[in-house]
Amino acid sequence: MEFGPQQIGKFLIAIGLTIVLLGAIFLLLGQLGLFKLHGDLQFGSKNWRVFIPITSCIIISIVLTLILWLISYLRR
């Protein structure tokens, strides 16, 4: 399989659409309050703020693991 300008262009468009979709999903999850859970650390002062989403990352990891496991199970 040769990669010409057409294939590279299609690949870059697919990557761009995937990034836009993931951005929209994260915006939606932020509106639903996912990144404001009890285990998410947030500290700082008037001029700076540090946010460490520990609990949110664990939940996202569990959900992605279950989705990938389900896809693997259904492909057998």
PDB file of N, CA and C in Angstrom:
ATOM      1  N   MET A   1       0.847  -1.173   0.000  1.00  0.00           N
ATOM      2  CA  MET A   1       0.000   0.000   0.000  1.00  0.00           C
ATOM      3  C   MET A   1       0.898   1.243   0.000  1.00  0.00           C
ATOM      4  N   GLU A   2       0.707   2.070  -0.991  1.00  0.00           N
ATOM      5  CA  GLU A   2       1.497   3.288  -1.101  1.00  0.00           C
ATOM      6  C   GLU A   2       0.744   4.455  -0.474  1.00  0.00           C
ATOM      7  N   PHE A   3       1.503   5.323   0.155  1.00  0.00           N
ATOM      8  CA  PHE A   3       0.919   6.515   0.751  1.00  0.00           C
ATOM      9  C   PHE A   3       1.241   7.711  -0.132  1.00  0.00           C
ATOM     10  N   GLY A   4       0.243   8.153  -0.855  1.00  0.00           N
ATOM     11  CA  GLY A   4       0.399   9.338  -1.673  1.00  0.00           C
ATOM     12  C   GLY A   4      -0.240  10.527  -0.992  1.00  0.00           C
ATOM     13  N   PRO A   5      -0.256  11.659  -1.678  1.00  0.00           N
ATOM     14  CA  PRO A   5      -0.849  12.867  -1.089  1.00  0.00           C
ATOM     15  C   PRO A   5      -2.328  12.694  -0.750  1.00  0.00           C
ATOM     16  N   GLN A   6      -3.061  11.917  -1.509  1.00  0.00           N
ATOM     17  CA  GLN A   6      -4.487  11.699  -1.239  1.00  0.00           C
ATOM     18  C   GLN A   6      -4.685  10.972   0.091  1.00  0.00           C
ATOM     19  N   GLN A   7      -3.918   9.906   0.302  1.00  0.00           N
ATOM     20  CA  GLN A   7      -4.063   9.127   1.532  1.00  0.00           C
ATOM     21  C   GLN A   7      -3.618   9.926   2.752  1.00  0.00           C
ATOM     22  N   ILE A   8      -2.533  10.687   2.600  1.00  0.00           N
ATOM     23  CA  ILE A   8      -2.056  11.501   3.720  1.00  0.00           C
ATOM     24  C   ILE A   8      -3.081  12.581   4.057  1.00  0.00           C
ATOM     25  N   GLY A   9      -3.667  13.196   3.037  1.00  0.00           N
ATOM     26  CA  GLY A   9      -4.698  14.208   3.267  1.00  0.00           C
ATOM     27  C   GLY A   9      -5.911  13.638   3.982  1.00  0.00           C
ATOM     28  N   LYS A  10      -6.368  12.458   3.550  1.00  0.00           N
ATOM     29  CA  LYS A  10      -7.514  11.811   4.206  1.00  0.00           C
ATOM     30  C   LYS A  10      -7.179  11.464   5.656  1.00  0.00           C
ATOM     31  N   PHE A  11      -5.948  11.003   5.891  1.00  0.00           N
ATOM     32  CA  PHE A  11      -5.521  10.646   7.244  1.00  0.00           C
ATOM     33  C   PHE A  11      -5.515  11.889   8.142  1.00  0.00           C
ATOM     34  N   LEU A  12      -4.999  13.005   7.636  1.00  0.00           N
ATOM     35  CA  LEU A  12      -4.950  14.236   8.429  1.00  0.00           C
ATOM     36  C   LEU A  12      -6.350  14.775   8.714  1.00  0.00           C
ATOM     37  N   ILE A  13      -7.253  14.645   7.753  1.00  0.00           N
ATOM     38  CA  ILE A  13      -8.641  15.066   7.982  1.00  0.00           C
ATOM     39  C   ILE A  13      -9.283  14.199   9.054  1.00  0.00           C
ATOM     40  N   ALA A  14      -9.036  12.891   9.002  1.00  0.00           N
ATOM     41  CA  ALA A  14      -9.599  11.985  10.005  1.00  0.00           C
ATOM     42  C   ALA A  14      -9.052  12.308  11.393  1.00  0.00           C
ATOM     43  N   ILE A  15      -7.757  12.583  11.488  1.00  0.00           N
ATOM     44  CA  ILE A  15      -7.157  12.947  12.774  1.00  0.00           C
ATOM     45  C   ILE A  15      -7.769  14.246  13.288  1.00  0.00           C
ATOM     46  N   GLY A  16      -7.935  15.227  12.417  1.00  0.00           N
ATOM     47  CA  GLY A  16      -8.524  16.504  12.814  1.00  0.00           C
ATOM     48  C   GLY A  16      -9.952  16.355  13.309  1.00  0.00           C
ATOM     49  N   LEU A  17     -10.758  15.555  12.596  1.00  0.00           N
ATOM     50  CA  LEU A  17     -12.141  15.328  13.025  1.00  0.00           C
ATOM     51  C   LEU A  17     -12.194  14.594  14.362  1.00  0.00           C
ATOM     52  N   THR A  18     -11.265  13.680  14.567  1.00  0.00           N
ATOM     53  CA  THR A  18     -11.206  12.963  15.841  1.00  0.00           C
ATOM     54  C   THR A  18     -10.872  13.915  16.983  1.00  0.00           C
ATOM     55  N   ILE A  19      -9.940  14.819  16.763  1.00  0.00           N
ATOM     56  CA  ILE A  19      -9.579  15.797  17.795  1.00  0.00           C
ATOM     57  C   ILE A  19     -10.751  16.719  18.101  1.00  0.00           C
ATOM     58  N   VAL A  20     -11.473  17.156  17.056  1.00  0.00           N
ATOM     59  CA  VAL A  20     -12.645  18.015  17.269  1.00  0.00           C
ATOM     60  C   VAL A  20     -13.711  17.265  18.060  1.00  0.00           C
ATOM     61  N   LEU A  21     -13.945  16.000  17.726  1.00  0.00           N
ATOM     62  CA  LEU A  21     -14.937  15.189  18.434  1.00  0.00           C
ATOM     63  C   LEU A  21     -14.554  15.010  19.902  1.00  0.00           C
ATOM     64  N   LEU A  22     -13.284  14.722  20.168  1.00  0.00           N
ATOM     65  CA  LEU A  22     -12.833  14.566  21.555  1.00  0.00           C
ATOM     66  C   LEU A  22     -12.959  15.884  22.321  1.00  0.00           C
ATOM     67  N   GLY A  23     -12.655  16.990  21.669  1.00  0.00           N
ATOM     68  CA  GLY A  23     -12.814  18.296  22.310  1.00  0.00           C
ATOM     69  C   GLY A  23     -14.262  18.564  22.677  1.00  0.00           C
ATOM     70  N   ALA A  24     -15.181  18.231  21.772  1.00  0.00           N
ATOM     71  CA  ALA A  24     -16.607  18.425  22.048  1.00  0.00           C
ATOM     72  C   ALA A  24     -17.070  17.529  23.195  1.00  0.00           C
ATOM     73  N   ILE A  25     -16.564  16.307  23.245  1.00  0.00           N
ATOM     74  CA  ILE A  25     -16.930  15.384  24.324  1.00  0.00           C
ATOM     75  C   ILE A  25     -16.443  15.928  25.669  1.00  0.00           C
ATOM     76  N   PHE A  26     -15.200  16.438  25.711  1.00  0.00           N
ATOM     77  CA  PHE A  26     -14.675  16.980  26.960  1.00  0.00           C
ATOM     78  C   PHE A  26     -15.426  18.230  27.390  1.00  0.00           C
ATOM     79  N   LEU A  27     -15.835  19.069  26.433  1.00  0.00           N
ATOM     80  CA  LEU A  27     -16.650  20.232  26.786  1.00  0.00           C
ATOM     81  C   LEU A  27     -17.982  19.802  27.389  1.00  0.00           C
ATOM     82  N   LEU A  28     -18.596  18.787  26.796  1.00  0.00           N
ATOM     83  CA  LEU A  28     -19.875  18.285  27.299  1.00  0.00           C
ATOM     84  C   LEU A  28     -19.703  17.675  28.689  1.00  0.00           C
ATOM     85  N   LEU A  29     -18.655  16.893  28.879  1.00  0.00           N
ATOM     86  CA  LEU A  29     -18.418  16.284  30.195  1.00  0.00           C
ATOM     87  C   LEU A  29     -18.126  17.348  31.249  1.00  0.00           C
ATOM     88  N   GLY A  30     -17.449  18.414  30.865  1.00  0.00           N
ATOM     89  CA  GLY A  30     -17.195  19.506  31.797  1.00  0.00           C
ATOM     90  C   GLY A  30     -18.487  20.201  32.202  1.00  0.00           C
ATOM     91  N   GLN A  31     -19.414  20.355  31.255  1.00  0.00           N
ATOM     92  CA  GLN A  31     -20.702  20.965  31.560  1.00  0.00           C
ATOM     93  C   GLN A  31     -21.528  20.079  32.490  1.00  0.00           C
ATOM     94  N   LEU A  32     -21.348  18.755  32.370  1.00  0.00           N
ATOM     95  CA  LEU A  32     -22.088  17.823  33.225  1.00  0.00           C
ATOM     96  C   LEU A  32     -21.465  17.689  34.611  1.00  0.00           C
ATOM     97  N   GLY A  33     -20.283  18.285  34.818  1.00  0.00           N
ATOM     98  CA  GLY A  33     -19.669  18.267  36.136  1.00  0.00           C
ATOM     99  C   GLY A  33     -18.674  17.152  36.367  1.00  0.00           C
ATOM    100  N   LEU A  34     -18.187  16.519  35.319  1.00  0.00           N
ATOM    101  CA  LEU A  34     -17.254  15.412  35.509  1.00  0.00           C
ATOM    102  C   LEU A  34     -15.949  15.882  36.138  1.00  0.00           C
ATOM    103  N   PHE A  35     -15.470  17.047  35.756  1.00  0.00           N
ATOM    104  CA  PHE A  35     -14.182  17.509  36.255  1.00  0.00           C
ATOM    105  C   PHE A  35     -14.308  18.347  37.517  1.00  0.00           C
ATOM    106  N   LYS A  36     -15.353  18.104  38.286  1.00  0.00           N
ATOM    107  CA  LYS A  36     -15.537  18.784  39.572  1.00  0.00           C
ATOM    108  C   LYS A  36     -15.909  17.766  40.647  1.00  0.00           C
ATOM    109  N   LEU A  37     -15.278  16.604  40.598  1.00  0.00           N
ATOM    110  CA  LEU A  37     -15.568  15.549  41.558  1.00  0.00           C
ATOM    111  C   LEU A  37     -14.754  15.762  42.836  1.00  0.00           C
ATOM    112  N   HIS A  38     -15.072  14.997  43.877  1.00  0.00           N
ATOM    113  CA  HIS A  38     -14.436  15.186  45.186  1.00  0.00           C
ATOM    114  C   HIS A  38     -12.944  14.890  45.176  1.00  0.00           C
ATOM    115  N   GLY A  39     -12.496  13.937  44.379  1.00  0.00           N
ATOM    116  CA  GLY A  39     -11.074  13.592  44.360  1.00  0.00           C
ATOM    117  C   GLY A  39     -10.241  14.467  43.450  1.00  0.00           C
ATOM    118  N   ASP A  40     -10.855  15.388  42.729  1.00  0.00           N
ATOM    119  CA  ASP A  40     -10.118  16.293  41.856  1.00  0.00           C
ATOM    120  C   ASP A  40      -9.552  17.431  42.692  1.00  0.00           C
ATOM    121  N   LEU A  41      -8.248  17.585  42.647  1.00  0.00           N
ATOM    122  CA  LEU A  41      -7.574  18.588  43.467  1.00  0.00           C
ATOM    123  C   LEU A  41      -7.520  19.926  42.731  1.00  0.00           C
ATOM    124  N   GLN A  42      -7.749  20.986  43.473  1.00  0.00           N
ATOM    125  CA  GLN A  42      -7.725  22.333  42.910  1.00  0.00           C
ATOM    126  C   GLN A  42      -7.194  23.275  43.976  1.00  0.00           C
ATOM    127  N   PHE A  43      -6.087  23.931  43.687  1.00  0.00           N
ATOM    128  CA  PHE A  43      -5.542  24.877  44.651  1.00  0.00           C
ATOM    129  C   PHE A  43      -4.824  25.995  43.917  1.00  0.00           C
ATOM    130  N   GLY A  44      -4.599  27.065  44.609  1.00  0.00           N
ATOM    131  CA  GLY A  44      -3.928  28.209  44.019  1.00  0.00           C
ATOM    132  C   GLY A  44      -4.227  29.467  44.805  1.00  0.00           C
ATOM    133  N   SER A  45      -3.977  30.594  44.179  1.00  0.00           N
ATOM    134  CA  SER A  45      -4.251  31.877  44.806  1.00  0.00           C
ATOM    135  C   SER A  45      -4.957  32.780  43.803  1.00  0.00           C
ATOM    136  N   LYS A  46      -4.901  34.057  44.041  1.00  0.00           N
ATOM    137  CA  LYS A  46      -5.601  35.013  43.186  1.00  0.00           C
ATOM    138  C   LYS A  46      -5.067  35.004  41.753  1.00  0.00           C
ATOM    139  N   ASN A  47      -3.776  34.850  41.583  1.00  0.00           N
ATOM    140  CA  ASN A  47      -3.155  34.977  40.268  1.00  0.00           C
ATOM    141  C   ASN A  47      -2.854  33.658  39.568  1.00  0.00           C
ATOM    142  N   TRP A  48      -2.970  32.537  40.238  1.00  0.00           N
ATOM    143  CA  TRP A  48      -2.672  31.266  39.599  1.00  0.00           C
ATOM    144  C   TRP A  48      -3.539  30.159  40.181  1.00  0.00           C
ATOM    145  N   ARG A  49      -3.718  29.099  39.439  1.00  0.00           N
ATOM    146  CA  ARG A  49      -4.535  27.984  39.874  1.00  0.00           C
ATOM    147  C   ARG A  49      -3.972  26.693  39.286  1.00  0.00           C
ATOM    148  N   VAL A  50      -3.938  25.637  40.081  1.00  0.00           N
ATOM    149  CA  VAL A  50      -3.501  24.313  39.648  1.00  0.00           C
ATOM    150  C   VAL A  50      -4.679  23.363  39.817  1.00  0.00           C
ATOM    151  N   PHE A  51      -4.960  22.596  38.775  1.00  0.00           N
ATOM    152  CA  PHE A  51      -6.073  21.651  38.786  1.00  0.00           C
ATOM    153  C   PHE A  51      -5.545  20.280  38.428  1.00  0.00           C
ATOM    154  N   ILE A  52      -5.753  19.291  39.315  1.00  0.00           N
ATOM    155  CA  ILE A  52      -5.293  17.923  39.092  1.00  0.00           C
ATOM    156  C   ILE A  52      -6.515  16.998  39.165  1.00  0.00           C
ATOM    157  N   PRO A  53      -7.027  16.541  38.006  1.00  0.00           N
ATOM    158  CA  PRO A  53      -8.263  15.747  37.977  1.00  0.00           C
ATOM    159  C   PRO A  53      -8.025  14.254  38.226  1.00  0.00           C
ATOM    160  N   ILE A  54      -7.668  13.875  39.439  1.00  0.00           N
ATOM    161  CA  ILE A  54      -7.332  12.487  39.755  1.00  0.00           C
ATOM    162  C   ILE A  54      -8.558  11.575  39.592  1.00  0.00           C
ATOM    163  N   THR A  55      -9.645  11.897  40.238  1.00  0.00           N
ATOM    164  CA  THR A  55     -10.842  11.053  40.185  1.00  0.00           C
ATOM    165  C   THR A  55     -11.426  11.001  38.782  1.00  0.00           C
ATOM    166  N   SER A  56     -11.451  12.126  38.098  1.00  0.00           N
ATOM    167  CA  SER A  56     -11.982  12.152  36.738  1.00  0.00           C
ATOM    168  C   SER A  56     -11.157  11.266  35.813  1.00  0.00           C
ATOM    169  N   CYS A  57      -9.826  11.290  35.962  1.00  0.00           N
ATOM    170  CA  CYS A  57      -8.965  10.441  35.135  1.00  0.00           C
ATOM    171  C   CYS A  57      -9.199   8.962  35.422  1.00  0.00           C
ATOM    172  N   ILE A  58      -9.428   8.614  36.670  1.00  0.00           N
ATOM    173  CA  ILE A  58      -9.700   7.217  37.017  1.00  0.00           C
ATOM    174  C   ILE A  58     -11.019   6.766  36.393  1.00  0.00           C
ATOM    175  N   ILE A  59     -12.038   7.604  36.460  1.00  0.00           N
ATOM    176  CA  ILE A  59     -13.334   7.250  35.875  1.00  0.00           C
ATOM    177  C   ILE A  59     -13.226   7.109  34.364  1.00  0.00           C
ATOM    178  N   ILE A  60     -12.536   8.045  33.709  1.00  0.00           N
ATOM    179  CA  ILE A  60     -12.358   7.965  32.256  1.00  0.00           C
ATOM    180  C   ILE A  60     -11.581   6.703  31.895  1.00  0.00           C
ATOM    181  N   SER A  61     -10.561   6.354  32.666  1.00  0.00           N
ATOM    182  CA  SER A  61      -9.774   5.150  32.413  1.00  0.00           C
ATOM    183  C   SER A  61     -10.617   3.886  32.539  1.00  0.00           C
ATOM    184  N   ILE A  62     -11.462   3.822  33.558  1.00  0.00           N
ATOM    185  CA  ILE A  62     -12.328   2.654  33.745  1.00  0.00           C
ATOM    186  C   ILE A  62     -13.315   2.529  32.590  1.00  0.00           C
ATOM    187  N   VAL A  63     -13.914   3.635  32.184  1.00  0.00           N
ATOM    188  CA  VAL A  63     -14.889   3.602  31.090  1.00  0.00           C
ATOM    189  C   VAL A  63     -14.214   3.177  29.789  1.00  0.00           C
ATOM    190  N   LEU A  64     -13.049   3.744  29.475  1.00  0.00           N
ATOM    191  CA  LEU A  64     -12.342   3.364  28.255  1.00  0.00           C
ATOM    192  C   LEU A  64     -11.896   1.904  28.290  1.00  0.00           C
ATOM    193  N   THR A  65     -11.466   1.427  29.448  1.00  0.00           N
ATOM    194  CA  THR A  65     -11.089   0.022  29.578  1.00  0.00           C
ATOM    195  C   THR A  65     -12.277  -0.889  29.304  1.00  0.00           C
ATOM    196  N   LEU A  66     -13.438  -0.550  29.859  1.00  0.00           N
ATOM    197  CA  LEU A  66     -14.633  -1.365  29.621  1.00  0.00           C
ATOM    198  C   LEU A  66     -15.045  -1.339  28.155  1.00  0.00           C
ATOM    199  N   ILE A  67     -14.969  -0.177  27.510  1.00  0.00           N
ATOM    200  CA  ILE A  67     -15.331  -0.080  26.092  1.00  0.00           C
ATOM    201  C   ILE A  67     -14.377  -0.902  25.241  1.00  0.00           C
ATOM    202  N   LEU A  68     -13.077  -0.789  25.482  1.00  0.00           N
ATOM    203  CA  LEU A  68     -12.111  -1.562  24.697  1.00  0.00           C
ATOM    204  C   LEU A  68     -12.228  -3.055  24.972  1.00  0.00           C
ATOM    205  N   TRP A  69     -12.515  -3.429  26.216  1.00  0.00           N
ATOM    206  CA  TRP A  69     -12.718  -4.841  26.520  1.00  0.00           C
ATOM    207  C   TRP A  69     -13.939  -5.366  25.778  1.00  0.00           C
ATOM    208  N   LEU A  70     -15.018  -4.596  25.749  1.00  0.00           N
ATOM    209  CA  LEU A  70     -16.234  -5.003  25.051  1.00  0.00           C
ATOM    210  C   LEU A  70     -15.984  -5.151  23.554  1.00  0.00           C
ATOM    211  N   ILE A  71     -15.256  -4.224  22.969  1.00  0.00           N
ATOM    212  CA  ILE A  71     -14.930  -4.331  21.546  1.00  0.00           C
ATOM    213  C   ILE A  71     -14.086  -5.577  21.278  1.00  0.00           C
ATOM    214  N   SER A  72     -13.112  -5.842  22.128  1.00  0.00           N
ATOM    215  CA  SER A  72     -12.276  -7.034  21.981  1.00  0.00           C
ATOM    216  C   SER A  72     -13.114  -8.299  22.139  1.00  0.00           C
ATOM    217  N   TYR A  73     -14.028  -8.304  23.078  1.00  0.00           N
ATOM    218  CA  TYR A  73     -14.874  -9.473  23.316  1.00  0.00           C
ATOM    219  C   TYR A  73     -15.801  -9.738  22.122  1.00  0.00           C
ATOM    220  N   LEU A  74     -16.348  -8.691  21.557  1.00  0.00           N
ATOM    221  CA  LEU A  74     -17.288  -8.850  20.439  1.00  0.00           C
ATOM    222  C   LEU A  74     -16.576  -9.207  19.135  1.00  0.00           C
ATOM    223  N   ARG A  75     -15.291  -8.920  19.015  1.00  0.00           N
ATOM    224  CA  ARG A  75     -14.548  -9.238  17.789  1.00  0.00           C
ATOM    225  C   ARG A  75     -14.154 -10.696  17.728  1.00  0.00           C
ATOM    226  N   ARG A  76     -14.236 -11.443  18.812  1.00  0.00           N
ATOM    227  CA  ARG A  76     -13.854 -12.866  18.799  1.00  0.00           C
ATOM    228  C   ARG A  76     -14.814 -13.694  18.040  1.00  0.00           C
TER     229      ARG A  76
END
